[in-house]
Amino acid sequence: MSSWTPLVTATLGWGVSAVLSRALILRGVDTFTIVPLRMVTALVTLLAVIAATGRFGSPSRKAWKRGLVLGTVAMAAPMTVMTLALEDLPVSLNGTLIALIPLATIAAAHFLTPGERFSPKSLPGFLLALAGSAVLVGLGGGSVSGVDNLWRGVGLMVLGVSLAGVGGALSRRFALEVPSESLVLPQFTVNTVVLLVVTPLLFEIDVASVDATGWLLVLGIGTFGTTLAFASFLVAAGMNPASRLALTGYTVPVVAVVFAVIFLGEAITVPIVIGAALILAGVVLADRSTSHVPQPGVTTSR
């Protein structure tokens, strides 16, 4: 399998997730109902996949220890914060702010991932992609008129992006220590348990606010936007350096904007097209300048 395949799959899944989450919010479902229901659906889907295929099952004790960290830092925390930001921001603006994730991931990997220091050769590609993101946000990422809490939304996205960057770097580091596929079940299980234990203590999970259409959206978020996306990313973490994993932060906004135009009726403009083109060009340039490390082998588990 190409190392790009799981990255593309994760990108499509996360793009779908942003649009479906926003659609649920517009139907009156709050973040602290969406996220726990999303993860229960995702975990059930993952368990069905394991039962049918045998993949992602039987993780070692070492994998469970790593999954404890990933489930909280790389999944539960950024997922909740970014979904909360969707209550204030349209997908076209929220999604494009995800383009800051590569900067956060590279910064975190510099300190957290052995042998993956930032390379100046990659800087032109990242700057080009960041310029495309600036075009999307500043000129064509969707109108912010009518948004009551713009700065709260932006602040939450910056926090979510920072957490996602740390999570991405840790995903790569742990995938070098244990087989990446063995991290999937621990991460999903820990994340779901954390959300189901912590959320009811602080907020109300209003299941009654989810109608029939809403449950279909939850199913889509849980299966495609969570199980498929996060599992693919963990597989990708065992095949790609952190700098390439970070590039998903540039491509997810493009997918999110396109899906928002198609399914939510958000307007597409010339700046959106220009920004998307710059982002994709930056991805190619940065990848060609990235030093790739060999795929790790299977390590001994405790």
C-alpha atoms as a PDB file:
ATOM      1  CA  MET A   1       0.000   0.000   0.000  1.00  0.00           C
ATOM      2  CA  SER A   2       1.252   3.480  -0.859  1.00  0.00           C
ATOM      3  CA  SER A   3       2.184   5.657   2.113  1.00  0.00           C
ATOM      4  CA  TRP A   4      -0.156   8.294   0.645  1.00  0.00           C
ATOM      5  CA  THR A   5      -3.264   6.074   0.761  1.00  0.00           C
ATOM      6  CA  PRO A   6      -3.964   6.298   4.513  1.00  0.00           C
ATOM      7  CA  LEU A   7      -3.165  10.023   4.487  1.00  0.00           C
ATOM      8  CA  VAL A   8      -5.683  10.705   1.706  1.00  0.00           C
ATOM      9  CA  THR A   9      -8.281   8.578   3.512  1.00  0.00           C
ATOM     10  CA  ALA A  10      -7.762  10.477   6.775  1.00  0.00           C
ATOM     11  CA  THR A  11      -8.026  13.793   4.932  1.00  0.00           C
ATOM     12  CA  LEU A  12     -11.353  12.892   3.325  1.00  0.00           C
ATOM     13  CA  GLY A  13     -12.709  11.592   6.635  1.00  0.00           C
ATOM     14  CA  TRP A  14     -11.804  14.729   8.572  1.00  0.00           C
ATOM     15  CA  GLY A  15     -13.192  16.938   5.819  1.00  0.00           C
ATOM     16  CA  VAL A  16     -16.512  15.086   6.044  1.00  0.00           C
ATOM     17  CA  SER A  17     -16.429  15.300   9.838  1.00  0.00           C
ATOM     18  CA  ALA A  18     -16.248  19.106   9.898  1.00  0.00           C
ATOM     19  CA  VAL A  19     -19.231  19.492   7.570  1.00  0.00           C
ATOM     20  CA  LEU A  20     -21.403  16.905   9.314  1.00  0.00           C
ATOM     21  CA  SER A  21     -20.593  18.356  12.736  1.00  0.00           C
ATOM     22  CA  ARG A  22     -21.561  21.829  11.571  1.00  0.00           C
ATOM     23  CA  ALA A  23     -24.781  20.426  10.090  1.00  0.00           C
ATOM     24  CA  LEU A  24     -25.626  18.863  13.475  1.00  0.00           C
ATOM     25  CA  ILE A  25     -24.922  22.132  15.289  1.00  0.00           C
ATOM     26  CA  LEU A  26     -27.221  23.972  12.871  1.00  0.00           C
ATOM     27  CA  ARG A  27     -29.926  21.458  13.832  1.00  0.00           C
ATOM     28  CA  GLY A  28     -29.609  22.529  17.471  1.00  0.00           C
ATOM     29  CA  VAL A  29     -27.352  19.768  18.823  1.00  0.00           C
ATOM     30  CA  ASP A  30     -24.593  21.044  21.129  1.00  0.00           C
ATOM     31  CA  THR A  31     -20.929  20.041  21.148  1.00  0.00           C
ATOM     32  CA  PHE A  32     -21.058  18.075  24.398  1.00  0.00           C
ATOM     33  CA  THR A  33     -23.761  15.877  22.933  1.00  0.00           C
ATOM     34  CA  ILE A  34     -22.137  15.476  19.523  1.00  0.00           C
ATOM     35  CA  VAL A  35     -18.656  14.415  20.663  1.00  0.00           C
ATOM     36  CA  PRO A  36     -19.614  11.565  23.064  1.00  0.00           C
ATOM     37  CA  LEU A  37     -22.217  10.182  20.618  1.00  0.00           C
ATOM     38  CA  ARG A  38     -19.649  10.428  17.832  1.00  0.00           C
ATOM     39  CA  MET A  39     -17.117   8.404  19.789  1.00  0.00           C
ATOM     40  CA  VAL A  40     -19.546   5.714  20.930  1.00  0.00           C
ATOM     41  CA  THR A  41     -20.543   5.252  17.287  1.00  0.00           C
ATOM     42  CA  ALA A  42     -16.893   5.215  16.239  1.00  0.00           C
ATOM     43  CA  LEU A  43     -15.876   2.638  18.829  1.00  0.00           C
ATOM     44  CA  VAL A  44     -18.784   0.341  17.931  1.00  0.00           C
ATOM     45  CA  THR A  45     -17.795   0.644  14.260  1.00  0.00           C
ATOM     46  CA  LEU A  46     -14.169  -0.139  15.083  1.00  0.00           C
ATOM     47  CA  LEU A  47     -15.146  -3.215  17.105  1.00  0.00           C
ATOM     48  CA  ALA A  48     -17.270  -4.417  14.168  1.00  0.00           C
ATOM     49  CA  VAL A  49     -14.275  -3.972  11.833  1.00  0.00           C
ATOM     50  CA  ILE A  50     -12.035  -5.913  14.234  1.00  0.00           C
ATOM     51  CA  ALA A  51     -14.586  -8.733  14.487  1.00  0.00           C
ATOM     52  CA  ALA A  52     -14.941  -8.917  10.701  1.00  0.00           C
ATOM     53  CA  THR A  53     -11.304  -8.546   9.662  1.00  0.00           C
ATOM     54  CA  GLY A  54      -9.144  -9.270  12.703  1.00  0.00           C
ATOM     55  CA  ARG A  55      -7.219  -6.009  12.136  1.00  0.00           C
ATOM     56  CA  PHE A  56      -6.390  -3.579  14.969  1.00  0.00           C
ATOM     57  CA  GLY A  57      -7.064  -6.237  17.614  1.00  0.00           C
ATOM     58  CA  SER A  58      -4.911  -7.748  20.423  1.00  0.00           C
ATOM     59  CA  PRO A  59      -2.842  -4.680  21.366  1.00  0.00           C
ATOM     60  CA  SER A  60       0.017  -5.175  23.806  1.00  0.00           C
ATOM     61  CA  ARG A  61       0.337  -3.621  27.237  1.00  0.00           C
ATOM     62  CA  LYS A  62       2.812  -1.169  25.761  1.00  0.00           C
ATOM     63  CA  ALA A  63       0.281  -0.175  23.098  1.00  0.00           C
ATOM     64  CA  TRP A  64      -2.381   0.416  25.768  1.00  0.00           C
ATOM     65  CA  LYS A  65      -0.005   2.708  27.661  1.00  0.00           C
ATOM     66  CA  ARG A  66       0.622   4.714  24.501  1.00  0.00           C
ATOM     67  CA  GLY A  67      -3.078   4.661  23.689  1.00  0.00           C
ATOM     68  CA  LEU A  68      -3.860   6.223  27.066  1.00  0.00           C
ATOM     69  CA  VAL A  69      -1.867   9.298  26.051  1.00  0.00           C
ATOM     70  CA  LEU A  70      -3.118   9.422  22.460  1.00  0.00           C
ATOM     71  CA  GLY A  71      -6.743   8.908  23.465  1.00  0.00           C
ATOM     72  CA  THR A  72      -6.698  12.012  25.652  1.00  0.00           C
ATOM     73  CA  VAL A  73      -4.123  14.338  24.068  1.00  0.00           C
ATOM     74  CA  ALA A  74      -4.434  13.452  20.380  1.00  0.00           C
ATOM     75  CA  MET A  75      -8.155  12.696  20.208  1.00  0.00           C
ATOM     76  CA  ALA A  76     -10.526  13.667  23.034  1.00  0.00           C
ATOM     77  CA  ALA A  77      -9.097  17.123  23.774  1.00  0.00           C
ATOM     78  CA  PRO A  78      -8.629  18.521  20.224  1.00  0.00           C
ATOM     79  CA  MET A  79     -11.848  16.905  18.965  1.00  0.00           C
ATOM     80  CA  THR A  80     -13.928  18.549  21.701  1.00  0.00           C
ATOM     81  CA  VAL A  81     -12.283  21.957  21.380  1.00  0.00           C
ATOM     82  CA  MET A  82     -12.528  22.051  17.559  1.00  0.00           C
ATOM     83  CA  THR A  83     -16.161  20.946  17.594  1.00  0.00           C
ATOM     84  CA  LEU A  84     -16.907  23.662  20.140  1.00  0.00           C
ATOM     85  CA  ALA A  85     -15.332  26.195  17.758  1.00  0.00           C
ATOM     86  CA  LEU A  86     -17.843  25.133  15.082  1.00  0.00           C
ATOM     87  CA  GLU A  87     -20.578  26.654  17.230  1.00  0.00           C
ATOM     88  CA  ASP A  88     -19.056  30.067  16.462  1.00  0.00           C
ATOM     89  CA  LEU A  89     -17.444  29.686  13.037  1.00  0.00           C
ATOM     90  CA  PRO A  90     -18.608  28.539   9.584  1.00  0.00           C
ATOM     91  CA  VAL A  91     -16.901  25.444   8.183  1.00  0.00           C
ATOM     92  CA  SER A  92     -15.103  27.497   5.546  1.00  0.00           C
ATOM     93  CA  LEU A  93     -13.318  29.542   8.222  1.00  0.00           C
ATOM     94  CA  ASN A  94     -13.023  26.838  10.859  1.00  0.00           C
ATOM     95  CA  GLY A  95     -11.704  24.357   8.332  1.00  0.00           C
ATOM     96  CA  THR A  96      -9.048  26.652   6.969  1.00  0.00           C
ATOM     97  CA  LEU A  97      -7.667  27.365  10.431  1.00  0.00           C
ATOM     98  CA  ILE A  98      -6.814  23.654  10.530  1.00  0.00           C
ATOM     99  CA  ALA A  99      -3.982  24.601   8.163  1.00  0.00           C
ATOM    100  CA  LEU A 100      -2.076  25.762  11.235  1.00  0.00           C
ATOM    101  CA  ILE A 101      -1.767  22.138  12.401  1.00  0.00           C
ATOM    102  CA  PRO A 102       1.404  21.462  10.349  1.00  0.00           C
ATOM    103  CA  LEU A 103       3.221  24.288  12.101  1.00  0.00           C
ATOM    104  CA  ALA A 104       2.137  22.933  15.484  1.00  0.00           C
ATOM    105  CA  THR A 105       3.038  19.355  14.522  1.00  0.00           C
ATOM    106  CA  ILE A 106       6.480  20.260  13.217  1.00  0.00           C
ATOM    107  CA  ALA A 107       7.216  22.357  16.310  1.00  0.00           C
ATOM    108  CA  ALA A 108       6.110  19.527  18.596  1.00  0.00           C
ATOM    109  CA  ALA A 109       7.968  16.858  16.593  1.00  0.00           C
ATOM    110  CA  HIS A 110      11.171  18.869  16.898  1.00  0.00           C
ATOM    111  CA  PHE A 111      11.045  18.155  20.654  1.00  0.00           C
ATOM    112  CA  LEU A 112       8.987  14.948  20.901  1.00  0.00           C
ATOM    113  CA  THR A 113       9.910  12.767  17.903  1.00  0.00           C
ATOM    114  CA  PRO A 114      13.479  11.393  17.719  1.00  0.00           C
ATOM    115  CA  GLY A 115      15.323  12.203  14.499  1.00  0.00           C
ATOM    116  CA  GLU A 116      12.642  14.526  13.092  1.00  0.00           C
ATOM    117  CA  ARG A 117      14.107  17.972  13.412  1.00  0.00           C
ATOM    118  CA  PHE A 118      12.694  20.751  11.289  1.00  0.00           C
ATOM    119  CA  SER A 119      14.464  21.005   7.923  1.00  0.00           C
ATOM    120  CA  PRO A 120      14.882  24.468   6.382  1.00  0.00           C
ATOM    121  CA  LYS A 121      14.511  22.828   2.940  1.00  0.00           C
ATOM    122  CA  SER A 122      10.827  22.268   3.682  1.00  0.00           C
ATOM    123  CA  LEU A 123      10.195  25.906   4.586  1.00  0.00           C
ATOM    124  CA  PRO A 124       9.274  27.212   1.086  1.00  0.00           C
ATOM    125  CA  GLY A 125       6.590  24.558   0.651  1.00  0.00           C
ATOM    126  CA  PHE A 126       5.114  25.192   4.076  1.00  0.00           C
ATOM    127  CA  LEU A 127       5.119  28.951   3.517  1.00  0.00           C
ATOM    128  CA  LEU A 128       3.400  28.521   0.154  1.00  0.00           C
ATOM    129  CA  ALA A 129       0.710  26.343   1.701  1.00  0.00           C
ATOM    130  CA  LEU A 130       0.336  28.743   4.620  1.00  0.00           C
ATOM    131  CA  ALA A 131      -0.065  31.603   2.136  1.00  0.00           C
ATOM    132  CA  GLY A 132      -2.875  29.650   0.507  1.00  0.00           C
ATOM    133  CA  SER A 133      -4.518  29.235   3.898  1.00  0.00           C
ATOM    134  CA  ALA A 134      -4.178  32.974   4.514  1.00  0.00           C
ATOM    135  CA  VAL A 135      -5.931  33.645   1.221  1.00  0.00           C
ATOM    136  CA  LEU A 136      -8.757  31.315   2.228  1.00  0.00           C
ATOM    137  CA  VAL A 137      -9.206  32.787   5.691  1.00  0.00           C
ATOM    138  CA  GLY A 138      -8.536  36.426   4.916  1.00  0.00           C
ATOM    139  CA  LEU A 139     -10.170  36.841   1.523  1.00  0.00           C
ATOM    140  CA  GLY A 140     -12.405  33.938   0.667  1.00  0.00           C
ATOM    141  CA  GLY A 141     -12.869  31.629   3.607  1.00  0.00           C
ATOM    142  CA  GLY A 142     -16.462  32.641   4.131  1.00  0.00           C
ATOM    143  CA  SER A 143     -18.108  35.718   5.563  1.00  0.00           C
ATOM    144  CA  VAL A 144     -17.877  36.211   9.313  1.00  0.00           C
ATOM    145  CA  SER A 145     -20.871  38.523   9.436  1.00  0.00           C
ATOM    146  CA  GLY A 146     -23.443  37.353  11.920  1.00  0.00           C
ATOM    147  CA  VAL A 147     -20.875  35.453  13.993  1.00  0.00           C
ATOM    148  CA  ASP A 148     -21.378  36.529  17.604  1.00  0.00           C
ATOM    149  CA  ASN A 149     -18.191  35.082  19.107  1.00  0.00           C
ATOM    150  CA  LEU A 150     -15.584  35.293  16.356  1.00  0.00           C
ATOM    151  CA  TRP A 151     -12.591  35.590  18.651  1.00  0.00           C
ATOM    152  CA  ARG A 152     -13.804  32.824  20.947  1.00  0.00           C
ATOM    153  CA  GLY A 153     -14.151  30.573  17.915  1.00  0.00           C
ATOM    154  CA  VAL A 154     -10.699  31.492  16.607  1.00  0.00           C
ATOM    155  CA  GLY A 155      -9.178  31.093  20.074  1.00  0.00           C
ATOM    156  CA  LEU A 156     -10.700  27.645  20.479  1.00  0.00           C
ATOM    157  CA  MET A 157      -9.408  26.612  17.049  1.00  0.00           C
ATOM    158  CA  VAL A 158      -5.881  27.784  17.905  1.00  0.00           C
ATOM    159  CA  LEU A 159      -6.023  25.748  21.126  1.00  0.00           C
ATOM    160  CA  GLY A 160      -7.375  22.728  19.245  1.00  0.00           C
ATOM    161  CA  VAL A 161      -4.709  23.070  16.574  1.00  0.00           C
ATOM    162  CA  SER A 162      -1.965  23.181  19.237  1.00  0.00           C
ATOM    163  CA  LEU A 163      -3.305  20.020  20.874  1.00  0.00           C
ATOM    164  CA  ALA A 164      -3.611  18.319  17.485  1.00  0.00           C
ATOM    165  CA  GLY A 165      -0.003  19.225  16.689  1.00  0.00           C
ATOM    166  CA  VAL A 166       1.234  17.605  19.889  1.00  0.00           C
ATOM    167  CA  GLY A 167      -0.988  14.600  19.184  1.00  0.00           C
ATOM    168  CA  GLY A 168       0.382  14.242  15.658  1.00  0.00           C
ATOM    169  CA  ALA A 169       3.968  14.285  16.864  1.00  0.00           C
ATOM    170  CA  LEU A 170       3.208  11.759  19.595  1.00  0.00           C
ATOM    171  CA  SER A 171       1.373   9.516  17.118  1.00  0.00           C
ATOM    172  CA  ARG A 172       4.508   9.370  15.000  1.00  0.00           C
ATOM    173  CA  ARG A 173       6.776   8.804  18.005  1.00  0.00           C
ATOM    174  CA  PHE A 174       4.661   5.960  19.377  1.00  0.00           C
ATOM    175  CA  ALA A 175       4.293   4.399  15.920  1.00  0.00           C
ATOM    176  CA  LEU A 176       8.086   4.066  15.914  1.00  0.00           C
ATOM    177  CA  GLU A 177       7.902   2.160  19.219  1.00  0.00           C
ATOM    178  CA  VAL A 178       4.985  -0.225  18.605  1.00  0.00           C
ATOM    179  CA  PRO A 179       3.133  -1.344  15.453  1.00  0.00           C
ATOM    180  CA  SER A 180       0.921   1.586  14.476  1.00  0.00           C
ATOM    181  CA  GLU A 181      -2.187  -0.538  13.901  1.00  0.00           C
ATOM    182  CA  SER A 182      -2.025  -1.788  17.504  1.00  0.00           C
ATOM    183  CA  LEU A 183      -2.556   1.800  18.727  1.00  0.00           C
ATOM    184  CA  VAL A 184      -5.980   2.143  17.115  1.00  0.00           C
ATOM    185  CA  LEU A 185      -8.127   0.194  19.602  1.00  0.00           C
ATOM    186  CA  PRO A 186      -6.440   1.628  22.749  1.00  0.00           C
ATOM    187  CA  GLN A 187      -6.748   5.196  21.456  1.00  0.00           C
ATOM    188  CA  PHE A 188     -10.431   4.843  20.536  1.00  0.00           C
ATOM    189  CA  THR A 189     -11.307   3.026  23.767  1.00  0.00           C
ATOM    190  CA  VAL A 190      -9.541   5.496  26.060  1.00  0.00           C
ATOM    191  CA  ASN A 191     -11.019   8.463  24.198  1.00  0.00           C
ATOM    192  CA  THR A 192     -14.561   7.097  24.452  1.00  0.00           C
ATOM    193  CA  VAL A 193     -14.242   6.232  28.138  1.00  0.00           C
ATOM    194  CA  VAL A 194     -12.777   9.650  28.962  1.00  0.00           C
ATOM    195  CA  LEU A 195     -15.599  11.453  27.149  1.00  0.00           C
ATOM    196  CA  LEU A 196     -18.341   9.321  28.688  1.00  0.00           C
ATOM    197  CA  VAL A 197     -16.929   9.785  32.207  1.00  0.00           C
ATOM    198  CA  VAL A 198     -15.880  13.443  32.108  1.00  0.00           C
ATOM    199  CA  THR A 199     -18.571  15.023  29.912  1.00  0.00           C
ATOM    200  CA  PRO A 200     -21.623  14.125  32.072  1.00  0.00           C
ATOM    201  CA  LEU A 201     -19.841  15.530  35.136  1.00  0.00           C
ATOM    202  CA  LEU A 202     -19.498  18.960  33.546  1.00  0.00           C
ATOM    203  CA  PHE A 203     -22.201  19.160  30.872  1.00  0.00           C
ATOM    204  CA  GLU A 204     -25.516  17.627  29.868  1.00  0.00           C
ATOM    205  CA  ILE A 205     -25.608  15.075  27.061  1.00  0.00           C
ATOM    206  CA  ASP A 206     -28.932  15.975  25.435  1.00  0.00           C
ATOM    207  CA  VAL A 207     -29.737  12.877  23.373  1.00  0.00           C
ATOM    208  CA  ALA A 208     -33.337  14.089  22.953  1.00  0.00           C
ATOM    209  CA  SER A 209     -32.095  16.974  20.772  1.00  0.00           C
ATOM    210  CA  VAL A 210     -30.978  14.505  18.080  1.00  0.00           C
ATOM    211  CA  ASP A 211     -33.752  13.735  15.569  1.00  0.00           C
ATOM    212  CA  ALA A 212     -33.794  10.991  12.909  1.00  0.00           C
ATOM    213  CA  THR A 213     -31.719  13.023  10.454  1.00  0.00           C
ATOM    214  CA  GLY A 214     -29.356  13.949  13.272  1.00  0.00           C
ATOM    215  CA  TRP A 215     -28.710  10.285  14.041  1.00  0.00           C
ATOM    216  CA  LEU A 216     -27.736   9.728  10.416  1.00  0.00           C
ATOM    217  CA  LEU A 217     -25.276  12.614  10.730  1.00  0.00           C
ATOM    218  CA  VAL A 218     -23.888  11.117  13.952  1.00  0.00           C
ATOM    219  CA  LEU A 219     -23.452   7.794  12.168  1.00  0.00           C
ATOM    220  CA  GLY A 220     -21.554   9.514   9.350  1.00  0.00           C
ATOM    221  CA  ILE A 221     -19.307  11.414  11.750  1.00  0.00           C
ATOM    222  CA  GLY A 222     -18.610   8.313  13.816  1.00  0.00           C
ATOM    223  CA  THR A 223     -17.837   5.937  10.946  1.00  0.00           C
ATOM    224  CA  PHE A 224     -16.266   8.043   8.179  1.00  0.00           C
ATOM    225  CA  GLY A 225     -15.147  11.114  10.125  1.00  0.00           C
ATOM    226  CA  THR A 226     -13.732   9.244  13.110  1.00  0.00           C
ATOM    227  CA  THR A 227     -13.119   5.493  12.778  1.00  0.00           C
ATOM    228  CA  LEU A 228     -11.903   5.639   9.186  1.00  0.00           C
ATOM    229  CA  ALA A 229     -10.036   8.934   9.559  1.00  0.00           C
ATOM    230  CA  PHE A 230      -8.198   8.315  12.842  1.00  0.00           C
ATOM    231  CA  ALA A 231      -7.427   4.670  12.100  1.00  0.00           C
ATOM    232  CA  SER A 232      -6.001   5.669   8.721  1.00  0.00           C
ATOM    233  CA  PHE A 233      -3.904   8.390  10.338  1.00  0.00           C
ATOM    234  CA  LEU A 234      -2.394   5.952  12.829  1.00  0.00           C
ATOM    235  CA  VAL A 235      -1.556   3.567   9.989  1.00  0.00           C
ATOM    236  CA  ALA A 236      -0.019   6.526   8.135  1.00  0.00           C
ATOM    237  CA  ALA A 237       2.025   7.401  11.235  1.00  0.00           C
ATOM    238  CA  GLY A 238       3.873   4.112  10.841  1.00  0.00           C
ATOM    239  CA  MET A 239       4.692   4.868   7.194  1.00  0.00           C
ATOM    240  CA  ASN A 240       5.451   8.606   7.082  1.00  0.00           C
ATOM    241  CA  PRO A 241       7.605  11.135   8.963  1.00  0.00           C
ATOM    242  CA  ALA A 242       5.871  13.755  11.121  1.00  0.00           C
ATOM    243  CA  SER A 243       6.508  16.456   8.520  1.00  0.00           C
ATOM    244  CA  ARG A 244       4.455  14.567   5.921  1.00  0.00           C
ATOM    245  CA  LEU A 245       1.744  13.720   8.460  1.00  0.00           C
ATOM    246  CA  ALA A 246       1.506  17.445   9.117  1.00  0.00           C
ATOM    247  CA  LEU A 247       0.532  18.082   5.494  1.00  0.00           C
ATOM    248  CA  THR A 248      -2.964  16.733   6.189  1.00  0.00           C
ATOM    249  CA  GLY A 249      -3.534  20.035   7.953  1.00  0.00           C
ATOM    250  CA  TYR A 250      -3.230  21.765   4.577  1.00  0.00           C
ATOM    251  CA  THR A 251      -5.396  19.403   2.567  1.00  0.00           C
ATOM    252  CA  VAL A 252      -8.253  18.961   5.069  1.00  0.00           C
ATOM    253  CA  PRO A 253      -9.294  22.636   4.669  1.00  0.00           C
ATOM    254  CA  VAL A 254      -9.620  22.180   0.911  1.00  0.00           C
ATOM    255  CA  VAL A 255     -11.823  19.126   1.359  1.00  0.00           C
ATOM    256  CA  ALA A 256     -13.868  20.821   4.098  1.00  0.00           C
ATOM    257  CA  VAL A 257     -14.523  23.915   1.974  1.00  0.00           C
ATOM    258  CA  VAL A 258     -15.575  21.843  -1.037  1.00  0.00           C
ATOM    259  CA  PHE A 259     -17.925  19.713   1.053  1.00  0.00           C
ATOM    260  CA  ALA A 260     -19.307  22.820   2.797  1.00  0.00           C
ATOM    261  CA  VAL A 261     -20.137  24.314  -0.601  1.00  0.00           C
ATOM    262  CA  ILE A 262     -21.839  21.129  -1.766  1.00  0.00           C
ATOM    263  CA  PHE A 263     -23.740  20.135   1.367  1.00  0.00           C
ATOM    264  CA  LEU A 264     -24.176  23.362   3.382  1.00  0.00           C
ATOM    265  CA  GLY A 265     -24.548  25.843   0.548  1.00  0.00           C
ATOM    266  CA  GLU A 266     -21.557  27.952   1.576  1.00  0.00           C
ATOM    267  CA  ALA A 267     -20.351  30.132  -1.280  1.00  0.00           C
ATOM    268  CA  ILE A 268     -17.210  29.310  -3.256  1.00  0.00           C
ATOM    269  CA  THR A 269     -15.200  32.276  -4.496  1.00  0.00           C
ATOM    270  CA  VAL A 270     -12.124  32.987  -6.610  1.00  0.00           C
ATOM    271  CA  PRO A 271      -9.935  33.388  -3.482  1.00  0.00           C
ATOM    272  CA  ILE A 272     -11.039  29.936  -2.326  1.00  0.00           C
ATOM    273  CA  VAL A 273      -9.907  28.437  -5.640  1.00  0.00           C
ATOM    274  CA  ILE A 274      -6.605  30.347  -5.528  1.00  0.00           C
ATOM    275  CA  GLY A 275      -6.008  29.389  -1.897  1.00  0.00           C
ATOM    276  CA  ALA A 276      -6.726  25.726  -2.588  1.00  0.00           C
ATOM    277  CA  ALA A 277      -4.279  25.745  -5.509  1.00  0.00           C
ATOM    278  CA  LEU A 278      -1.540  27.303  -3.354  1.00  0.00           C
ATOM    279  CA  ILE A 279      -2.147  24.761  -0.609  1.00  0.00           C
ATOM    280  CA  LEU A 280      -1.860  21.790  -2.943  1.00  0.00           C
ATOM    281  CA  ALA A 281       1.266  23.245  -4.577  1.00  0.00           C
ATOM    282  CA  GLY A 282       2.804  23.755  -1.152  1.00  0.00           C
ATOM    283  CA  VAL A 283       2.033  20.159  -0.166  1.00  0.00           C
ATOM    284  CA  VAL A 284       3.891  18.835  -3.204  1.00  0.00           C
ATOM    285  CA  LEU A 285       6.859  21.160  -2.698  1.00  0.00           C
ATOM    286  CA  ALA A 286       7.167  20.441   1.021  1.00  0.00           C
ATOM    287  CA  ASP A 287       6.923  16.691   0.498  1.00  0.00           C
ATOM    288  CA  ARG A 288       9.694  16.715  -2.112  1.00  0.00           C
ATOM    289  CA  SER A 289      11.922  18.577   0.359  1.00  0.00           C
ATOM    290  CA  THR A 290      11.193  16.250   3.261  1.00  0.00           C
ATOM    291  CA  SER A 291      13.677  13.657   4.426  1.00  0.00           C
ATOM    292  CA  HIS A 292      11.728  10.430   4.811  1.00  0.00           C
ATOM    293  CA  VAL A 293      12.688   7.829   7.348  1.00  0.00           C
ATOM    294  CA  PRO A 294      12.321   4.069   6.876  1.00  0.00           C
ATOM    295  CA  GLN A 295       9.075   2.442   7.958  1.00  0.00           C
ATOM    296  CA  PRO A 296       9.577   1.031  11.431  1.00  0.00           C
ATOM    297  CA  GLY A 297       9.511  -2.672  12.006  1.00  0.00           C
ATOM    298  CA  VAL A 298       7.510  -4.535  14.593  1.00  0.00           C
ATOM    299  CA  THR A 299       8.907  -3.991  18.060  1.00  0.00           C
ATOM    300  CA  THR A 300       8.855  -6.354  20.970  1.00  0.00           C
ATOM    301  CA  SER A 301       5.809  -5.769  23.140  1.00  0.00           C
ATOM    302  CA  ARG A 302       5.593  -6.113  26.890  1.00  0.00           C
END
